[in-house]
Amino acid sequence: MQTASTNICERMGRSQELNDSKRGGTVIGCHLCNKSIRDISWLLNIPQSTVSGIITKWKPLGTTATQPPSGRPRKMTEGGQRMLKRTVCRSRQLSSESIAKDLQTSCGLQISTTTVCRELHGMHFHS
């Protein structure tokens, strides 16, 4: 006779991402029942490093939900960076002031010349 935990193991492959109920409910539930990391890994068919990571994240936070990233969000998104790179590749002789004005008029990005210089430097273009 198979238990519920072995049925879960058969359905879930190692490459699939764990959902919150599986992560919080099953892994933490097994941990609270004094199962070892090795036993939990074997029961749920997930790597020991994943089980360990879930438990160490749960202990100080009390939750296994994904936390928002730390730090200030970036001024330019990836789309803005692509537009900046496209603009520079079209004409390499443009100044950072003219690039900033071009991006403001064409796509409505409010961007300073300092940000343009910083982003270009990060893309290995030097103004």
N, C-alpha and C. Protein backbone atom coordinates (compact mmCIF):
# COMPACT_ATOMS: atom_id res chain seq x y z
N MET A 1 0.84 -1.18 0.00
CA MET A 1 0.00 0.00 0.00
C MET A 1 0.88 1.25 0.00
N GLN A 2 0.54 2.20 -0.88
CA GLN A 2 1.34 3.41 -0.98
C GLN A 2 0.75 4.52 -0.14
N THR A 3 1.64 5.30 0.43
CA THR A 3 1.17 6.44 1.22
C THR A 3 1.06 7.66 0.32
N ALA A 4 0.50 8.74 0.88
CA ALA A 4 0.33 9.96 0.11
C ALA A 4 1.67 10.55 -0.30
N SER A 5 2.68 10.43 0.55
CA SER A 5 3.98 11.02 0.22
C SER A 5 4.65 10.28 -0.93
N THR A 6 4.47 8.97 -1.05
CA THR A 6 5.08 8.27 -2.18
C THR A 6 4.33 8.57 -3.46
N ASN A 7 3.01 8.81 -3.39
CA ASN A 7 2.27 9.21 -4.58
C ASN A 7 2.74 10.56 -5.09
N ILE A 8 3.02 11.48 -4.19
CA ILE A 8 3.54 12.79 -4.57
C ILE A 8 4.88 12.62 -5.26
N CYS A 9 5.72 11.75 -4.72
CA CYS A 9 7.05 11.53 -5.28
C CYS A 9 6.99 11.01 -6.71
N GLU A 10 6.06 10.12 -6.98
CA GLU A 10 5.97 9.54 -8.31
C GLU A 10 5.52 10.57 -9.33
N ARG A 11 4.69 11.53 -8.92
CA ARG A 11 4.18 12.53 -9.86
C ARG A 11 5.18 13.65 -10.12
N MET A 12 6.05 13.93 -9.16
CA MET A 12 6.92 15.09 -9.27
C MET A 12 8.34 14.67 -9.65
N GLY A 13 8.83 15.21 -10.76
CA GLY A 13 10.21 14.97 -11.14
C GLY A 13 11.14 15.93 -10.43
N ARG A 14 12.43 15.70 -10.51
CA ARG A 14 13.39 16.53 -9.80
C ARG A 14 13.54 17.91 -10.43
N SER A 15 13.21 18.08 -11.69
CA SER A 15 13.45 19.36 -12.34
C SER A 15 12.28 20.34 -12.19
N GLN A 16 11.17 19.92 -11.61
CA GLN A 16 10.03 20.80 -11.48
C GLN A 16 10.18 21.73 -10.29
N GLU A 17 9.60 22.92 -10.42
CA GLU A 17 9.66 23.88 -9.32
C GLU A 17 8.62 23.52 -8.27
N LEU A 18 8.98 23.72 -7.01
CA LEU A 18 8.08 23.43 -5.91
C LEU A 18 7.08 24.56 -5.75
N ASN A 19 5.80 24.23 -5.59
CA ASN A 19 4.83 25.28 -5.30
C ASN A 19 4.82 25.54 -3.80
N ASP A 20 4.15 26.63 -3.40
CA ASP A 20 4.18 27.04 -1.99
C ASP A 20 3.58 26.01 -1.05
N SER A 21 2.51 25.33 -1.47
CA SER A 21 1.88 24.36 -0.57
C SER A 21 2.80 23.15 -0.37
N LYS A 22 3.47 22.72 -1.41
CA LYS A 22 4.38 21.59 -1.27
C LYS A 22 5.58 21.99 -0.41
N ARG A 23 6.11 23.18 -0.70
CA ARG A 23 7.28 23.64 0.04
C ARG A 23 6.94 23.85 1.50
N GLY A 24 5.92 24.64 1.75
CA GLY A 24 5.58 24.97 3.13
C GLY A 24 4.97 23.80 3.86
N GLY A 25 4.00 23.17 3.24
CA GLY A 25 3.27 22.11 3.92
C GLY A 25 4.07 20.85 4.11
N THR A 26 4.61 20.33 3.05
CA THR A 26 5.21 19.01 3.13
C THR A 26 6.61 19.04 3.74
N VAL A 27 7.47 19.89 3.21
CA VAL A 27 8.85 19.91 3.71
C VAL A 27 8.90 20.36 5.17
N ILE A 28 8.22 21.46 5.47
CA ILE A 28 8.24 21.97 6.85
C ILE A 28 7.49 21.02 7.77
N GLY A 29 6.41 20.42 7.29
CA GLY A 29 5.68 19.44 8.09
C GLY A 29 6.54 18.26 8.46
N CYS A 30 7.30 17.75 7.48
CA CYS A 30 8.21 16.65 7.77
C CYS A 30 9.30 17.09 8.74
N HIS A 31 9.79 18.31 8.59
CA HIS A 31 10.83 18.82 9.49
C HIS A 31 10.30 18.93 10.92
N LEU A 32 9.06 19.39 11.07
CA LEU A 32 8.47 19.50 12.40
C LEU A 32 8.20 18.14 13.03
N CYS A 33 8.09 17.11 12.20
CA CYS A 33 7.93 15.74 12.72
C CYS A 33 9.27 15.07 12.96
N ASN A 34 10.33 15.88 13.03
CA ASN A 34 11.68 15.40 13.33
C ASN A 34 12.25 14.44 12.28
N LYS A 35 11.87 14.60 11.04
CA LYS A 35 12.49 13.84 9.96
C LYS A 35 13.80 14.52 9.60
N SER A 36 14.78 13.75 9.22
CA SER A 36 16.07 14.32 8.82
C SER A 36 15.95 14.88 7.40
N ILE A 37 16.91 15.72 7.04
CA ILE A 37 16.92 16.30 5.70
C ILE A 37 17.04 15.20 4.66
N ARG A 38 17.84 14.20 4.96
CA ARG A 38 18.01 13.07 4.04
C ARG A 38 16.70 12.32 3.84
N ASP A 39 15.97 12.07 4.94
CA ASP A 39 14.68 11.36 4.84
C ASP A 39 13.66 12.18 4.06
N ILE A 40 13.60 13.48 4.33
CA ILE A 40 12.66 14.35 3.61
C ILE A 40 12.99 14.35 2.13
N SER A 41 14.26 14.44 1.81
CA SER A 41 14.70 14.42 0.42
C SER A 41 14.28 13.14 -0.28
N TRP A 42 14.48 12.01 0.40
CA TRP A 42 14.13 10.73 -0.17
C TRP A 42 12.61 10.58 -0.32
N LEU A 43 11.85 11.01 0.68
CA LEU A 43 10.39 10.89 0.64
C LEU A 43 9.78 11.71 -0.49
N LEU A 44 10.26 12.93 -0.65
CA LEU A 44 9.65 13.85 -1.61
C LEU A 44 10.35 13.88 -2.97
N ASN A 45 11.45 13.13 -3.07
CA ASN A 45 12.20 13.04 -4.31
C ASN A 45 12.69 14.42 -4.77
N ILE A 46 13.23 15.18 -3.84
CA ILE A 46 13.82 16.47 -4.15
C ILE A 46 15.22 16.50 -3.56
N PRO A 47 16.13 17.30 -4.13
CA PRO A 47 17.51 17.30 -3.64
C PRO A 47 17.63 17.74 -2.18
N GLN A 48 18.63 17.21 -1.50
CA GLN A 48 18.87 17.57 -0.10
C GLN A 48 19.18 19.05 0.04
N SER A 49 19.87 19.62 -0.95
CA SER A 49 20.19 21.05 -0.89
C SER A 49 18.92 21.90 -0.93
N THR A 50 17.92 21.46 -1.68
CA THR A 50 16.65 22.18 -1.74
C THR A 50 15.93 22.10 -0.40
N VAL A 51 15.89 20.91 0.19
CA VAL A 51 15.24 20.74 1.49
C VAL A 51 15.94 21.60 2.53
N SER A 52 17.26 21.56 2.54
CA SER A 52 18.03 22.35 3.49
C SER A 52 17.78 23.84 3.30
N GLY A 53 17.74 24.29 2.05
CA GLY A 53 17.48 25.70 1.76
C GLY A 53 16.11 26.15 2.23
N ILE A 54 15.11 25.30 2.03
CA ILE A 54 13.74 25.62 2.47
C ILE A 54 13.69 25.75 3.98
N ILE A 55 14.33 24.82 4.67
CA ILE A 55 14.29 24.83 6.14
C ILE A 55 15.05 26.02 6.69
N THR A 56 16.23 26.31 6.14
CA THR A 56 17.00 27.45 6.65
C THR A 56 16.32 28.78 6.33
N LYS A 57 15.55 28.84 5.26
CA LYS A 57 14.79 30.05 4.94
C LYS A 57 13.59 30.17 5.88
N TRP A 58 12.98 29.04 6.22
CA TRP A 58 11.77 29.06 7.05
C TRP A 58 12.08 29.41 8.50
N LYS A 59 13.22 28.96 9.02
CA LYS A 59 13.51 29.17 10.44
C LYS A 59 13.51 30.65 10.84
N PRO A 60 14.26 31.54 10.21
CA PRO A 60 14.24 32.94 10.67
C PRO A 60 13.02 33.72 10.20
N LEU A 61 12.46 33.39 9.03
CA LEU A 61 11.36 34.19 8.47
C LEU A 61 9.99 33.68 8.87
N GLY A 62 9.88 32.39 9.14
CA GLY A 62 8.58 31.81 9.47
C GLY A 62 7.70 31.60 8.25
N THR A 63 8.26 31.81 7.06
CA THR A 63 7.51 31.61 5.82
C THR A 63 8.45 31.08 4.77
N THR A 64 7.88 30.40 3.77
CA THR A 64 8.69 29.90 2.67
C THR A 64 8.36 30.63 1.37
N ALA A 65 7.55 31.67 1.46
CA ALA A 65 7.17 32.43 0.27
C ALA A 65 8.39 33.19 -0.27
N THR A 66 8.40 33.40 -1.56
CA THR A 66 9.48 34.15 -2.18
C THR A 66 9.42 35.60 -1.74
N GLN A 67 10.54 36.11 -1.28
CA GLN A 67 10.62 37.48 -0.78
C GLN A 67 10.97 38.43 -1.93
N PRO A 68 10.55 39.69 -1.83
CA PRO A 68 10.92 40.65 -2.88
C PRO A 68 12.42 40.90 -2.86
N PRO A 69 12.98 41.25 -4.01
CA PRO A 69 14.42 41.49 -4.04
C PRO A 69 14.82 42.70 -3.22
N SER A 70 16.03 42.66 -2.67
CA SER A 70 16.50 43.78 -1.88
C SER A 70 17.12 44.83 -2.79
N GLY A 71 17.21 46.02 -2.30
CA GLY A 71 17.87 47.08 -3.05
C GLY A 71 16.90 47.94 -3.84
N ARG A 72 17.43 49.03 -4.33
CA ARG A 72 16.65 49.97 -5.10
C ARG A 72 16.43 49.43 -6.51
N PRO A 73 15.21 49.57 -7.06
CA PRO A 73 14.97 49.07 -8.40
C PRO A 73 15.76 49.89 -9.43
N ARG A 74 16.11 49.25 -10.52
CA ARG A 74 16.88 49.91 -11.55
C ARG A 74 16.04 50.95 -12.28
N LYS A 75 16.70 52.04 -12.70
CA LYS A 75 16.02 53.12 -13.40
C LYS A 75 15.59 52.66 -14.79
N MET A 76 16.49 51.98 -15.48
CA MET A 76 16.18 51.53 -16.84
C MET A 76 15.83 50.06 -16.83
N THR A 77 14.76 49.75 -17.52
CA THR A 77 14.37 48.35 -17.67
C THR A 77 15.17 47.74 -18.82
N GLU A 78 14.99 46.44 -19.04
CA GLU A 78 15.70 45.78 -20.13
C GLU A 78 15.26 46.35 -21.47
N GLY A 79 14.00 46.69 -21.60
CA GLY A 79 13.52 47.29 -22.84
C GLY A 79 14.18 48.63 -23.11
N GLY A 80 14.35 49.43 -22.06
CA GLY A 80 15.03 50.71 -22.20
C GLY A 80 16.48 50.53 -22.58
N GLN A 81 17.12 49.52 -22.02
CA GLN A 81 18.51 49.25 -22.35
C GLN A 81 18.66 48.81 -23.80
N ARG A 82 17.71 48.01 -24.30
CA ARG A 82 17.75 47.60 -25.71
C ARG A 82 17.60 48.81 -26.62
N MET A 83 16.68 49.72 -26.25
CA MET A 83 16.48 50.91 -27.07
C MET A 83 17.73 51.80 -27.05
N LEU A 84 18.37 51.91 -25.90
CA LEU A 84 19.59 52.69 -25.78
C LEU A 84 20.69 52.09 -26.64
N LYS A 85 20.84 50.78 -26.59
CA LYS A 85 21.88 50.12 -27.37
C LYS A 85 21.61 50.28 -28.86
N ARG A 86 20.34 50.15 -29.27
CA ARG A 86 19.98 50.32 -30.67
C ARG A 86 20.31 51.73 -31.14
N THR A 87 20.00 52.73 -30.30
CA THR A 87 20.27 54.12 -30.65
C THR A 87 21.77 54.35 -30.82
N VAL A 88 22.57 53.81 -29.92
CA VAL A 88 24.02 54.00 -29.98
C VAL A 88 24.62 53.26 -31.18
N CYS A 89 24.12 52.08 -31.47
CA CYS A 89 24.66 51.32 -32.59
C CYS A 89 24.35 51.99 -33.93
N ARG A 90 23.23 52.69 -34.01
CA ARG A 90 22.89 53.42 -35.25
C ARG A 90 23.88 54.54 -35.52
N SER A 91 24.22 55.26 -34.47
CA SER A 91 25.13 56.39 -34.64
C SER A 91 26.01 56.49 -33.40
N ARG A 92 27.25 56.09 -33.56
CA ARG A 92 28.17 56.05 -32.42
C ARG A 92 28.71 57.42 -32.05
N GLN A 93 28.46 58.43 -32.87
CA GLN A 93 29.02 59.75 -32.62
C GLN A 93 28.11 60.65 -31.79
N LEU A 94 26.95 60.14 -31.37
CA LEU A 94 26.02 60.95 -30.59
C LEU A 94 26.55 61.20 -29.18
N SER A 95 26.27 62.36 -28.65
CA SER A 95 26.63 62.66 -27.27
C SER A 95 25.57 62.09 -26.34
N SER A 96 25.91 62.01 -25.07
CA SER A 96 24.96 61.47 -24.11
C SER A 96 23.74 62.39 -23.98
N GLU A 97 23.94 63.70 -24.13
CA GLU A 97 22.80 64.64 -24.07
C GLU A 97 21.83 64.39 -25.21
N SER A 98 22.37 64.20 -26.43
CA SER A 98 21.48 63.97 -27.57
C SER A 98 20.80 62.60 -27.48
N ILE A 99 21.48 61.61 -26.92
CA ILE A 99 20.86 60.29 -26.74
C ILE A 99 19.71 60.40 -25.73
N ALA A 100 19.94 61.14 -24.63
CA ALA A 100 18.89 61.30 -23.62
C ALA A 100 17.68 62.02 -24.22
N LYS A 101 17.91 63.07 -25.01
CA LYS A 101 16.80 63.79 -25.64
C LYS A 101 16.08 62.90 -26.64
N ASP A 102 16.84 62.10 -27.40
CA ASP A 102 16.24 61.20 -28.38
C ASP A 102 15.34 60.17 -27.69
N LEU A 103 15.81 59.60 -26.59
CA LEU A 103 15.00 58.61 -25.86
C LEU A 103 13.77 59.26 -25.23
N GLN A 104 13.88 60.50 -24.78
CA GLN A 104 12.74 61.20 -24.19
C GLN A 104 11.67 61.48 -25.24
N THR A 105 12.08 61.90 -26.44
CA THR A 105 11.09 62.22 -27.47
C THR A 105 10.52 60.97 -28.12
N SER A 106 11.34 59.98 -28.39
CA SER A 106 10.85 58.82 -29.13
C SER A 106 10.01 57.87 -28.29
N CYS A 107 10.40 57.65 -27.04
CA CYS A 107 9.66 56.65 -26.25
C CYS A 107 9.22 57.14 -24.89
N GLY A 108 9.42 58.40 -24.60
CA GLY A 108 8.91 58.95 -23.36
C GLY A 108 9.68 58.56 -22.11
N LEU A 109 10.89 58.07 -22.26
CA LEU A 109 11.71 57.74 -21.09
C LEU A 109 12.29 59.01 -20.50
N GLN A 110 12.04 59.27 -19.24
CA GLN A 110 12.65 60.39 -18.55
C GLN A 110 13.98 59.90 -18.00
N ILE A 111 15.06 60.26 -18.69
CA ILE A 111 16.37 59.74 -18.34
C ILE A 111 17.38 60.88 -18.40
N SER A 112 18.27 60.93 -17.43
CA SER A 112 19.27 61.98 -17.40
C SER A 112 20.51 61.56 -18.19
N THR A 113 21.35 62.54 -18.50
CA THR A 113 22.58 62.25 -19.23
C THR A 113 23.52 61.39 -18.39
N THR A 114 23.50 61.58 -17.09
CA THR A 114 24.34 60.77 -16.20
C THR A 114 23.93 59.31 -16.25
N THR A 115 22.62 59.05 -16.28
CA THR A 115 22.14 57.67 -16.37
C THR A 115 22.52 57.07 -17.71
N VAL A 116 22.44 57.87 -18.77
CA VAL A 116 22.83 57.38 -20.10
C VAL A 116 24.30 56.98 -20.08
N CYS A 117 25.16 57.84 -19.52
CA CYS A 117 26.59 57.52 -19.45
C CYS A 117 26.84 56.26 -18.64
N ARG A 118 26.15 56.11 -17.51
CA ARG A 118 26.34 54.96 -16.64
C ARG A 118 25.90 53.67 -17.34
N GLU A 119 24.75 53.72 -17.99
CA GLU A 119 24.25 52.53 -18.68
C GLU A 119 25.14 52.16 -19.87
N LEU A 120 25.62 53.15 -20.60
CA LEU A 120 26.51 52.87 -21.73
C LEU A 120 27.83 52.28 -21.24
N HIS A 121 28.32 52.78 -20.14
CA HIS A 121 29.55 52.24 -19.57
C HIS A 121 29.35 50.78 -19.15
N GLY A 122 28.17 50.49 -18.60
CA GLY A 122 27.86 49.11 -18.22
C GLY A 122 27.74 48.18 -19.41
N MET A 123 27.40 48.73 -20.58
CA MET A 123 27.32 47.95 -21.82
C MET A 123 28.65 47.94 -22.58
N HIS A 124 29.68 48.48 -21.96
CA HIS A 124 31.03 48.57 -22.53
C HIS A 124 31.12 49.53 -23.72
N PHE A 125 30.23 50.52 -23.76
CA PHE A 125 30.37 51.65 -24.66
C PHE A 125 30.92 52.78 -23.82
N HIS A 126 31.90 53.48 -24.29
CA HIS A 126 32.49 54.56 -23.51
C HIS A 126 32.27 55.89 -24.23
N SER A 127 31.64 56.83 -23.52
CA SER A 127 31.34 58.12 -24.13
C SER A 127 32.37 59.16 -23.74
